[in-house]
Amino acid sequence: MAHTPESQPDYWLYSAAQCRHLDHLAGALPGISEALLMERAGAAAFALLRQRWPQAYRILVLCGTGNNGGDGFVVARLAHEAGLAVKLLQLGDPDRIGGAARAALDALLATGIEVQPFVPGRALEADVLVDALLGTGLERPVEGDWRAALEAMNASAIPCLALDLPSGLHADRGTVLGAAVCADVTLTFIGRKPGLYTGQAADHVGEVQLAGLEVPAAVYEQVTAAARLLTAPPLGPLARPRRRASHKGEHGHVLILGGAPGMPGAVRLAGEVALRAGAGLVSLATHPDHAAWLPMTRPELMSHAVAGPRDLAPLLARADVLAIGPGLGQDAWGQALLAAALETDLPLVVDADALNLLAREPLARGNWILTPHPGEAARLLGTTVTEVEADRYAAVRALAERYGGTVVLKGAGSLVATGKAAVAVCDRGNPGMASGGMGDVLTGLITALRAQGLEETAAAEAGVWLHGAAGDAGAREGERGLLAGDLPALLRAELNRA
């Protein structure tokens, strides 16, 4: 299905090739040209620069030889016409500048602005930098003077506005190609790019804004989006107040299986989160070594000693949704319980050691949600973490194709994939969440949402969004020291606010 600006424009992400196609389609319409779109891009960027840094006077624009450089030429001209002190540094062979970018350069030169070459080793001086060096077509590592320019921009500590995407960042994958600009703000044009929202991009894009450049809706109707940005949790019926006469039996019975000897905290944490996320009943199926004392710290949890599959059977009969993995371990106890869980028809949420065990004997099914981090994803795919992180979108699609159901690939810019639907990406969350137990929180949350009636993909997407939003709420007091145990109360607030 193609998507138009009127149908939630900020939700849809377009690959570099798709954006070039959109640009071509728009430029072919009567009254619109490549030059007009470039002028609109430059004007939007200059307006944002003035809004974000109203006191800035010295503007340094670094331009390449393509259309990204052309956008920079427009920004430089408009800044000069506004009375600001403008300096422009050019990289690449000027003879390669053509088309609309050449026209934009000629218009700039007509104002008397001198274009100077970038000189490696020379310090940059300005109030604001404008990155117009490398656009969406970059596919190989940045080298030579180009890399020196990116490193000089980062070393300067001068606020930076990146045009379309930070130079050196892959538009589709979010990976750094040798070096990349660390922007304070990225203004992307026509369509948001998938690479702006996942992986290494988090350290480079800053605040991302979209300028649609007045591209008509008819253009977007001809292109199917590559991915989708989660801008709110898809709570459906859970967004409405509960019936006043409802009771706990109507809100789902969650069963969480895990907690091998020495690892009771994971299953305990996932259980509390499931309660805070609104599940009516939460049972823990855990190792006999600690089953008796787990409810002492959260008496609302029902803890059951499970020595093996026989003890698990009556608990499965009463549950609506089963989560397996938190603290499960990979020894005989964990293996036996995973085998029993996989024999049920219950909806499953599979995490942690259950994923590691699954990687040994892969199978596919429809009614489960897998929530691997990059290390677990690599084991499930029989590859390396480096390869997973090199193209997170491809990795999550491959996981969904191989294992079925819905897959959440955790990390900076968590991804959710189901079948052939557009991958969803979440821009919530922060580095403070890189601590033990955060995955157990997500498991409990997604399981509770599933138990309350959300379908598989909606539960995964809502869980990922709420998890990140709660982490961001906790990080307002500082990222360092944020604990997984801080999130249950924060999740309750986010869920009831959504």
Protein backbone atom coordinates (compact mmCIF):
# COMPACT_ATOMS: atom_id res chain seq x y z
CA MET A 1 0.00 0.00 0.00
CA ALA A 2 1.35 3.43 -0.94
CA HIS A 3 1.04 6.31 1.48
CA THR A 4 0.32 10.00 1.03
CA PRO A 5 1.25 13.00 3.17
CA GLU A 6 -2.39 13.22 4.23
CA SER A 7 -2.28 9.67 5.64
CA GLN A 8 0.09 10.36 8.52
CA PRO A 9 3.12 11.66 6.55
CA ASP A 10 5.57 11.39 9.42
CA TYR A 11 4.91 7.68 9.83
CA TRP A 12 6.43 6.56 6.53
CA LEU A 13 10.10 6.02 5.77
CA TYR A 14 11.47 5.93 2.24
CA SER A 15 14.74 4.42 1.09
CA ALA A 16 17.32 6.53 -0.72
CA ALA A 17 16.25 5.04 -4.05
CA GLN A 18 12.59 5.70 -3.26
CA CYS A 19 13.34 9.31 -2.33
CA ARG A 20 15.17 9.82 -5.61
CA HIS A 21 12.14 8.36 -7.38
CA LEU A 22 9.81 10.66 -5.46
CA ASP A 23 12.03 13.60 -6.39
CA HIS A 24 11.96 12.55 -10.05
CA LEU A 25 8.19 12.08 -10.06
CA ALA A 26 7.64 15.46 -8.44
CA GLY A 27 10.06 17.20 -10.80
CA ALA A 28 8.17 15.82 -13.80
CA LEU A 29 4.91 17.50 -12.75
CA PRO A 30 3.83 20.78 -14.38
CA GLY A 31 5.01 23.78 -12.39
CA ILE A 32 7.59 21.79 -10.40
CA SER A 33 11.24 21.40 -11.30
CA GLU A 34 14.40 20.05 -9.71
CA ALA A 35 15.56 23.63 -9.26
CA LEU A 36 12.33 24.60 -7.49
CA LEU A 37 12.58 21.65 -5.09
CA MET A 38 16.20 22.60 -4.35
CA GLU A 39 15.17 26.17 -3.66
CA ARG A 40 12.45 24.97 -1.30
CA ALA A 41 14.91 22.66 0.47
CA GLY A 42 17.41 25.47 0.98
CA ALA A 43 14.71 27.84 2.17
CA ALA A 44 13.37 25.31 4.66
CA ALA A 45 16.87 24.66 5.97
CA PHE A 46 17.65 28.35 6.37
CA ALA A 47 14.35 28.97 8.15
CA LEU A 48 15.14 26.13 10.57
CA LEU A 49 18.65 27.48 11.14
CA ARG A 50 17.26 30.90 12.06
CA GLN A 51 14.65 29.34 14.33
CA ARG A 52 17.08 27.05 16.11
CA TRP A 53 20.01 29.49 16.41
CA PRO A 54 18.48 32.99 16.21
CA GLN A 55 21.65 34.69 17.52
CA ALA A 56 23.97 32.99 15.02
CA TYR A 57 25.82 35.43 12.72
CA ARG A 58 28.76 33.50 11.24
CA ILE A 59 27.48 30.68 9.04
CA LEU A 60 29.90 28.14 7.57
CA VAL A 61 28.46 25.93 4.82
CA LEU A 62 30.39 22.89 3.59
CA CYS A 63 29.22 21.69 0.20
CA GLY A 64 29.85 18.68 -2.02
CA THR A 65 29.30 18.39 -5.75
CA GLY A 66 25.85 16.78 -5.86
CA ASN A 67 22.34 17.95 -5.12
CA ASN A 68 23.08 17.95 -1.39
CA GLY A 69 25.71 20.57 -2.14
CA GLY A 70 23.15 22.42 -4.24
CA ASP A 71 20.87 22.67 -1.20
CA GLY A 72 23.83 24.12 0.68
CA PHE A 73 24.44 26.72 -2.02
CA VAL A 74 20.85 27.91 -1.57
CA VAL A 75 21.27 28.12 2.22
CA ALA A 76 24.48 30.14 1.80
CA ARG A 77 22.83 32.56 -0.64
CA LEU A 78 19.80 33.09 1.58
CA ALA A 79 22.01 33.62 4.64
CA HIS A 80 24.04 36.22 2.74
CA GLU A 81 20.90 37.98 1.55
CA ALA A 82 19.73 38.09 5.17
CA GLY A 83 22.86 40.00 6.16
CA LEU A 84 24.72 37.17 7.85
CA ALA A 85 28.45 36.54 7.51
CA VAL A 86 28.67 33.52 5.23
CA LYS A 87 31.65 31.37 4.33
CA LEU A 88 31.41 28.42 1.97
CA LEU A 89 33.91 25.57 1.72
CA GLN A 90 33.78 23.33 -1.34
CA LEU A 91 34.93 19.70 -1.55
CA GLY A 92 35.21 17.68 -4.73
CA ASP A 93 35.83 18.70 -8.32
CA PRO A 94 33.78 21.85 -9.11
CA ASP A 95 33.56 20.75 -12.73
CA ARG A 96 31.35 17.86 -11.62
CA ILE A 97 28.65 20.21 -10.36
CA GLY A 98 25.79 20.23 -12.84
CA GLY A 99 22.05 20.63 -13.29
CA ALA A 100 20.11 22.40 -10.57
CA ALA A 101 23.14 22.40 -8.27
CA ARG A 102 25.17 24.33 -10.87
CA ALA A 103 22.36 26.86 -11.21
CA ALA A 104 22.26 27.25 -7.42
CA LEU A 105 26.04 27.76 -7.35
CA ASP A 106 25.90 30.34 -10.12
CA ALA A 107 23.17 32.23 -8.22
CA LEU A 108 25.37 32.19 -5.13
CA LEU A 109 28.46 33.41 -6.98
CA ALA A 110 26.41 36.27 -8.45
CA THR A 111 26.00 37.66 -4.92
CA GLY A 112 29.75 38.05 -4.58
CA ILE A 113 30.27 35.17 -2.17
CA GLU A 114 33.65 33.52 -2.71
CA VAL A 115 33.71 29.73 -2.70
CA GLN A 116 36.86 28.43 -1.02
CA PRO A 117 38.33 24.93 -0.99
CA PHE A 118 38.38 22.94 2.23
CA VAL A 119 41.90 22.75 3.65
CA PRO A 120 42.59 19.76 5.92
CA GLY A 121 44.09 20.69 9.25
CA ARG A 122 42.69 24.21 9.28
CA ALA A 123 40.34 24.87 12.21
CA LEU A 124 36.74 25.70 11.43
CA GLU A 125 35.28 28.89 12.85
CA ALA A 126 31.58 29.77 12.85
CA ASP A 127 28.48 30.06 14.99
CA VAL A 128 26.70 27.33 13.01
CA LEU A 129 27.90 24.73 10.53
CA VAL A 130 25.73 23.53 7.65
CA ASP A 131 26.55 20.02 6.43
CA ALA A 132 25.76 19.80 2.71
CA LEU A 133 28.58 17.47 1.73
CA LEU A 134 27.28 13.97 1.00
CA GLY A 135 23.73 12.98 0.22
CA THR A 136 21.73 9.76 0.18
CA GLY A 137 23.76 8.05 -2.53
CA LEU A 138 26.82 7.27 -0.39
CA GLU A 139 27.67 3.54 -0.44
CA ARG A 140 31.40 3.32 0.32
CA PRO A 141 33.56 4.50 3.24
CA VAL A 142 34.43 8.18 3.31
CA GLU A 143 38.14 8.79 2.71
CA GLY A 144 40.72 11.51 2.10
CA ASP A 145 39.74 15.16 2.36
CA TRP A 146 36.08 14.21 2.70
CA ARG A 147 36.78 12.26 5.86
CA ALA A 148 39.05 15.03 7.12
CA ALA A 149 36.17 17.49 6.67
CA LEU A 150 33.73 15.33 8.63
CA GLU A 151 36.24 14.86 11.43
CA ALA A 152 37.02 18.58 11.50
CA MET A 153 33.32 19.39 11.83
CA ASN A 154 32.95 17.01 14.75
CA ALA A 155 36.14 18.24 16.43
CA SER A 156 35.03 21.88 16.19
CA ALA A 157 32.11 21.40 18.62
CA ILE A 158 30.23 24.02 16.61
CA PRO A 159 26.46 23.42 16.38
CA CYS A 160 25.64 21.67 13.12
CA LEU A 161 22.60 21.48 10.84
CA ALA A 162 22.74 18.48 8.48
CA LEU A 163 20.83 18.64 5.21
CA ASP A 164 18.85 15.50 4.34
CA LEU A 165 21.07 13.28 6.52
CA PRO A 166 24.44 13.63 8.26
CA SER A 167 27.26 13.13 5.76
CA GLY A 168 28.85 9.71 6.11
CA LEU A 169 25.68 7.99 7.36
CA HIS A 170 24.05 5.32 5.20
CA ALA A 171 20.56 6.51 4.33
CA ASP A 172 18.93 3.08 4.43
CA ARG A 173 20.87 1.23 7.13
CA GLY A 174 21.94 3.88 9.64
CA THR A 175 25.55 2.68 9.58
CA VAL A 176 28.58 4.96 9.60
CA LEU A 177 30.65 4.64 6.43
CA GLY A 178 34.08 5.32 7.87
CA ALA A 179 33.17 8.62 9.52
CA ALA A 180 29.98 10.66 9.85
CA VAL A 181 28.96 14.11 10.97
CA CYS A 182 27.45 14.42 14.45
CA ALA A 183 24.63 16.88 13.80
CA ASP A 184 22.52 18.75 16.33
CA VAL A 185 19.60 18.84 13.91
CA THR A 186 18.96 16.93 10.70
CA LEU A 187 16.44 18.34 8.25
CA THR A 188 15.50 15.57 5.85
CA PHE A 189 13.69 16.31 2.60
CA ILE A 190 10.59 14.83 0.89
CA GLY A 191 10.62 11.60 2.93
CA ARG A 192 12.19 10.35 6.14
CA LYS A 193 14.99 7.86 5.53
CA PRO A 194 15.09 4.52 7.41
CA GLY A 195 18.74 5.00 8.33
CA LEU A 196 17.96 8.07 10.41
CA TYR A 197 16.27 6.00 13.10
CA THR A 198 18.29 2.92 14.00
CA GLY A 199 21.74 1.68 14.89
CA GLN A 200 24.66 4.09 14.78
CA ALA A 201 22.42 6.90 13.55
CA ALA A 202 21.43 7.67 17.14
CA ASP A 203 24.84 9.25 17.74
CA HIS A 204 24.76 11.37 14.58
CA VAL A 205 21.33 12.69 13.64
CA GLY A 206 20.40 14.82 16.65
CA GLU A 207 16.82 16.05 16.32
CA VAL A 208 15.24 14.92 13.04
CA GLN A 209 12.75 17.11 11.21
CA LEU A 210 11.03 16.63 7.86
CA ALA A 211 10.50 19.18 5.11
CA GLY A 212 8.07 17.77 2.55
CA LEU A 213 8.87 20.54 0.00
CA GLU A 214 5.19 20.73 -0.97
CA VAL A 215 5.40 17.51 -2.96
CA PRO A 216 1.82 16.65 -4.01
CA ALA A 217 0.00 13.69 -2.52
CA ALA A 218 -0.33 12.13 -5.97
CA VAL A 219 3.42 11.58 -6.02
CA TYR A 220 3.45 9.59 -2.77
CA GLU A 221 0.57 7.46 -4.00
CA GLN A 222 2.94 5.93 -6.55
CA VAL A 223 5.56 4.72 -4.06
CA THR A 224 5.22 2.14 -1.28
CA ALA A 225 7.06 3.11 1.91
CA ALA A 226 10.06 1.00 2.93
CA ALA A 227 9.36 1.22 6.66
CA ARG A 228 7.22 2.93 9.27
CA LEU A 229 8.03 5.13 12.26
CA LEU A 230 6.18 4.41 15.50
CA THR A 231 4.87 7.77 16.65
CA ALA A 232 2.41 6.48 19.26
CA PRO A 233 1.59 3.10 20.82
CA PRO A 234 -1.15 1.26 18.86
CA LEU A 235 -3.24 0.48 21.95
CA GLY A 236 -6.58 0.10 20.20
CA PRO A 237 -9.23 -0.88 22.78
CA LEU A 238 -6.75 -0.49 25.64
CA ALA A 239 -6.74 3.25 25.05
CA ARG A 240 -10.33 3.39 26.28
CA PRO A 241 -11.27 3.39 29.99
CA ARG A 242 -12.16 0.01 31.43
CA ARG A 243 -15.75 -0.84 32.18
CA ARG A 244 -16.56 0.09 35.75
CA ALA A 245 -17.88 -3.43 36.38
CA SER A 246 -14.90 -5.27 34.90
CA HIS A 247 -12.95 -7.84 36.94
CA LYS A 248 -9.46 -9.35 36.88
CA GLY A 249 -10.53 -12.33 34.85
CA GLU A 250 -11.31 -10.05 31.92
CA HIS A 251 -7.81 -8.62 31.68
CA GLY A 252 -5.76 -11.67 30.92
CA HIS A 253 -3.79 -14.28 32.82
CA VAL A 254 -0.07 -14.06 32.09
CA LEU A 255 2.29 -16.97 32.78
CA ILE A 256 6.00 -16.19 32.80
CA LEU A 257 8.39 -19.14 32.69
CA GLY A 258 11.99 -18.63 33.78
CA GLY A 259 14.27 -18.11 36.72
CA ALA A 260 16.81 -20.92 36.86
CA PRO A 261 18.90 -21.24 40.04
CA GLY A 262 20.79 -18.02 40.62
CA MET A 263 18.62 -16.02 38.19
CA PRO A 264 15.28 -15.34 39.91
CA GLY A 265 15.42 -11.58 39.38
CA ALA A 266 14.59 -11.71 35.67
CA VAL A 267 11.30 -13.58 36.03
CA ARG A 268 10.36 -11.52 39.10
CA LEU A 269 10.95 -8.27 37.23
CA ALA A 270 9.02 -9.41 34.15
CA GLY A 271 6.13 -10.43 36.40
CA GLU A 272 5.90 -7.08 38.15
CA VAL A 273 5.95 -5.27 34.83
CA ALA A 274 3.11 -7.45 33.55
CA LEU A 275 1.06 -6.42 36.58
CA ARG A 276 1.90 -2.74 36.13
CA ALA A 277 0.94 -3.00 32.47
CA GLY A 278 -2.57 -4.07 33.40
CA ALA A 279 -2.68 -7.86 33.29
CA GLY A 280 -5.42 -9.15 35.58
CA LEU A 281 -3.42 -12.13 36.87
CA VAL A 282 0.28 -12.94 36.66
CA SER A 283 1.77 -16.32 37.52
CA LEU A 284 5.45 -17.20 37.64
CA ALA A 285 6.59 -20.72 36.78
CA THR A 286 10.06 -20.84 38.25
CA HIS A 287 12.65 -23.10 39.83
CA PRO A 288 11.79 -24.67 43.20
CA ASP A 289 14.95 -23.18 44.75
CA HIS A 290 13.36 -19.76 45.05
CA ALA A 291 9.68 -20.07 44.13
CA ALA A 292 8.52 -19.70 47.74
CA TRP A 293 10.17 -16.38 48.45
CA LEU A 294 9.59 -14.49 45.18
CA PRO A 295 6.09 -13.28 46.23
CA MET A 296 7.57 -11.80 49.40
CA THR A 297 8.84 -8.86 47.36
CA ARG A 298 5.67 -8.54 45.26
CA PRO A 299 2.77 -10.41 46.88
CA GLU A 300 0.46 -9.84 43.91
CA LEU A 301 2.53 -12.37 41.94
CA MET A 302 1.54 -16.03 42.09
CA SER A 303 4.75 -18.05 42.20
CA HIS A 304 4.79 -21.76 41.38
CA ALA A 305 7.64 -24.23 41.87
CA VAL A 306 8.22 -26.08 38.62
CA ALA A 307 10.70 -28.92 38.66
CA GLY A 308 9.81 -30.08 35.16
CA PRO A 309 7.17 -30.21 32.42
CA ARG A 310 4.72 -32.22 34.55
CA ASP A 311 4.48 -29.34 37.05
CA LEU A 312 3.98 -26.89 34.22
CA ALA A 313 0.93 -28.54 32.63
CA PRO A 314 -1.78 -27.25 35.02
CA LEU A 315 -0.37 -23.72 34.84
CA LEU A 316 -0.49 -23.73 31.06
CA ALA A 317 -4.13 -24.79 31.20
CA ARG A 318 -5.09 -21.61 33.06
CA ALA A 319 -2.92 -19.10 31.17
CA ASP A 320 -3.93 -16.85 28.27
CA VAL A 321 -0.41 -15.91 27.17
CA LEU A 322 2.97 -17.45 27.98
CA ALA A 323 6.31 -15.67 28.16
CA ILE A 324 9.43 -17.80 28.32
CA GLY A 325 13.07 -16.92 28.66
CA PRO A 326 13.85 -14.47 31.49
CA GLY A 327 16.55 -16.17 33.55
CA LEU A 328 15.66 -19.53 31.96
CA GLY A 329 19.21 -20.76 31.56
CA GLN A 330 20.32 -23.26 28.94
CA ASP A 331 20.71 -26.41 31.02
CA ALA A 332 18.41 -29.43 31.11
CA TRP A 333 15.75 -27.65 33.22
CA GLY A 334 15.41 -24.78 30.75
CA GLN A 335 15.50 -27.07 27.73
CA ALA A 336 12.73 -29.29 29.08
CA LEU A 337 10.45 -26.36 29.92
CA LEU A 338 10.99 -24.70 26.53
CA ALA A 339 10.09 -27.97 24.80
CA ALA A 340 6.88 -28.14 26.84
CA ALA A 341 6.03 -24.53 26.07
CA LEU A 342 6.49 -25.06 22.35
CA GLU A 343 3.96 -27.89 22.42
CA THR A 344 1.16 -25.56 23.51
CA ASP A 345 -1.09 -23.49 21.29
CA LEU A 346 -0.83 -20.48 23.62
CA PRO A 347 0.44 -17.19 22.22
CA LEU A 348 4.11 -16.95 23.17
CA VAL A 349 6.62 -14.22 23.90
CA VAL A 350 10.13 -15.64 23.59
CA ASP A 351 13.20 -13.91 24.98
CA ALA A 352 16.70 -14.36 26.41
CA ASP A 353 17.87 -17.96 26.91
CA ALA A 354 14.76 -19.33 25.22
CA LEU A 355 16.04 -17.62 22.06
CA ASN A 356 19.50 -19.07 22.53
CA LEU A 357 17.99 -22.54 22.85
CA LEU A 358 15.78 -21.91 19.83
CA ALA A 359 18.87 -21.03 17.78
CA ARG A 360 20.14 -24.58 18.35
CA GLU A 361 16.97 -26.14 16.94
CA PRO A 362 15.20 -23.52 14.80
CA LEU A 363 11.50 -23.77 14.05
CA ALA A 364 8.81 -21.45 12.77
CA ARG A 365 5.30 -20.77 14.07
CA GLY A 366 2.73 -18.07 13.71
CA ASN A 367 1.53 -17.06 17.14
CA TRP A 368 4.69 -15.90 18.85
CA ILE A 369 6.73 -12.76 19.39
CA LEU A 370 10.52 -13.09 19.47
CA THR A 371 12.48 -10.29 21.16
CA PRO A 372 16.21 -10.77 20.47
CA HIS A 373 18.99 -8.30 21.11
CA PRO A 374 21.69 -8.21 18.38
CA GLY A 375 23.70 -11.05 19.97
CA GLU A 376 20.68 -13.34 20.13
CA ALA A 377 19.65 -12.28 16.63
CA ALA A 378 23.09 -13.26 15.34
CA ARG A 379 22.78 -16.72 16.89
CA LEU A 380 19.27 -17.15 15.47
CA LEU A 381 20.52 -16.25 12.00
CA GLY A 382 23.81 -18.09 12.23
CA THR A 383 25.80 -14.91 11.62
CA THR A 384 27.70 -12.28 13.63
CA VAL A 385 26.63 -9.25 15.63
CA THR A 386 28.62 -7.07 13.23
CA GLU A 387 26.60 -8.36 10.28
CA VAL A 388 23.31 -7.90 12.13
CA GLU A 389 24.18 -4.30 13.03
CA ALA A 390 25.43 -3.58 9.51
CA ASP A 391 21.83 -3.83 8.26
CA ARG A 392 19.33 -4.08 11.08
CA TYR A 393 16.34 -3.82 8.74
CA ALA A 394 17.54 -6.78 6.68
CA ALA A 395 18.26 -8.75 9.85
CA VAL A 396 14.81 -8.29 11.37
CA ARG A 397 13.14 -9.16 8.07
CA ALA A 398 15.26 -12.30 7.82
CA LEU A 399 14.30 -13.30 11.36
CA ALA A 400 10.59 -12.84 10.66
CA GLU A 401 10.87 -14.84 7.45
CA ARG A 402 12.81 -17.69 9.07
CA TYR A 403 10.91 -17.98 12.36
CA GLY A 404 7.46 -16.58 11.57
CA GLY A 405 5.30 -14.53 13.90
CA THR A 406 6.50 -11.09 14.95
CA VAL A 407 10.12 -10.21 15.69
CA VAL A 408 11.44 -7.32 17.79
CA LEU A 409 15.11 -6.55 17.15
CA LYS A 410 16.14 -4.58 20.22
CA GLY A 411 18.77 -1.86 20.36
CA ALA A 412 19.06 1.80 19.42
CA GLY A 413 16.06 2.22 17.15
CA SER A 414 14.30 -1.06 17.95
CA LEU A 415 12.60 -2.67 14.94
CA VAL A 416 9.40 -4.72 14.68
CA ALA A 417 8.79 -7.01 11.70
CA THR A 418 5.84 -9.22 10.77
CA GLY A 419 5.66 -11.07 7.46
CA LYS A 420 5.75 -8.79 4.45
CA ALA A 421 4.40 -5.70 6.25
CA ALA A 422 6.55 -2.59 6.46
CA VAL A 423 9.07 -2.81 9.30
CA ALA A 424 8.25 -0.47 12.18
CA VAL A 425 11.04 1.46 13.92
CA CYS A 426 10.88 3.16 17.32
CA ASP A 427 12.84 6.32 18.04
CA ARG A 428 12.14 6.26 21.79
CA GLY A 429 14.71 5.08 24.35
CA ASN A 430 18.15 6.18 25.51
CA PRO A 431 21.61 4.83 26.49
CA GLY A 432 20.59 4.70 30.15
CA MET A 433 18.54 1.65 29.23
CA ALA A 434 21.71 -0.29 28.40
CA SER A 435 21.62 -2.10 31.73
CA GLY A 436 20.64 -5.52 33.04
CA GLY A 437 16.95 -6.40 33.17
CA MET A 438 15.64 -3.98 30.54
CA GLY A 439 14.85 -6.87 28.20
CA ASP A 440 12.90 -8.62 30.96
CA VAL A 441 10.85 -5.46 31.38
CA LEU A 442 9.99 -5.48 27.67
CA THR A 443 9.03 -9.15 27.83
CA GLY A 444 6.63 -8.62 30.71
CA LEU A 445 5.14 -5.56 29.05
CA ILE A 446 4.50 -7.14 25.66
CA THR A 447 3.05 -10.26 27.29
CA ALA A 448 0.62 -8.21 29.39
CA LEU A 449 -0.57 -6.22 26.37
CA ARG A 450 -1.08 -9.43 24.43
CA ALA A 451 -3.04 -10.95 27.33
CA GLN A 452 -5.34 -7.92 27.41
CA GLY A 453 -6.42 -8.46 23.84
CA LEU A 454 -3.96 -6.70 21.57
CA GLU A 455 -3.10 -8.75 18.53
CA GLU A 456 0.45 -9.93 18.06
CA THR A 457 2.03 -7.10 16.09
CA ALA A 458 0.16 -4.34 17.93
CA ALA A 459 1.31 -5.76 21.28
CA ALA A 460 4.92 -5.83 20.12
CA GLU A 461 4.82 -2.31 18.68
CA ALA A 462 2.99 -0.82 21.66
CA GLY A 463 5.35 -2.57 24.05
CA VAL A 464 8.45 -1.30 22.29
CA TRP A 465 7.12 2.27 22.19
CA LEU A 466 5.98 2.33 25.83
CA HIS A 467 9.22 0.72 26.98
CA GLY A 468 11.28 3.43 25.29
CA ALA A 469 8.97 6.22 26.48
CA ALA A 470 9.19 5.01 30.08
CA GLY A 471 12.98 4.85 29.79
CA ASP A 472 13.03 8.41 28.49
CA ALA A 473 10.86 9.53 31.39
CA GLY A 474 13.28 7.93 33.82
CA ALA A 475 16.27 9.51 32.09
CA ARG A 476 15.02 13.02 32.76
CA GLU A 477 16.84 12.73 36.07
CA GLY A 478 19.94 11.43 34.26
CA GLU A 479 20.71 8.44 32.08
CA ARG A 480 23.46 6.94 34.21
CA GLY A 481 22.07 4.84 37.01
CA LEU A 482 18.69 4.19 35.39
CA LEU A 483 17.58 0.72 36.50
CA ALA A 484 15.19 -1.76 34.99
CA GLY A 485 13.43 -1.75 38.36
CA ASP A 486 12.68 1.95 37.90
CA LEU A 487 10.52 1.25 34.86
CA PRO A 488 7.42 -0.54 36.24
CA ALA A 489 5.98 2.59 37.85
CA LEU A 490 7.01 4.72 34.87
CA LEU A 491 5.35 2.27 32.49
CA ARG A 492 2.12 2.51 34.42
CA ALA A 493 2.14 6.28 33.96
CA GLU A 494 3.00 6.08 30.24
CA LEU A 495 0.35 3.43 29.57
CA ASN A 496 -2.39 5.43 31.23
CA ARG A 497 -1.29 8.62 29.50
CA ALA A 498 -1.18 7.10 26.01
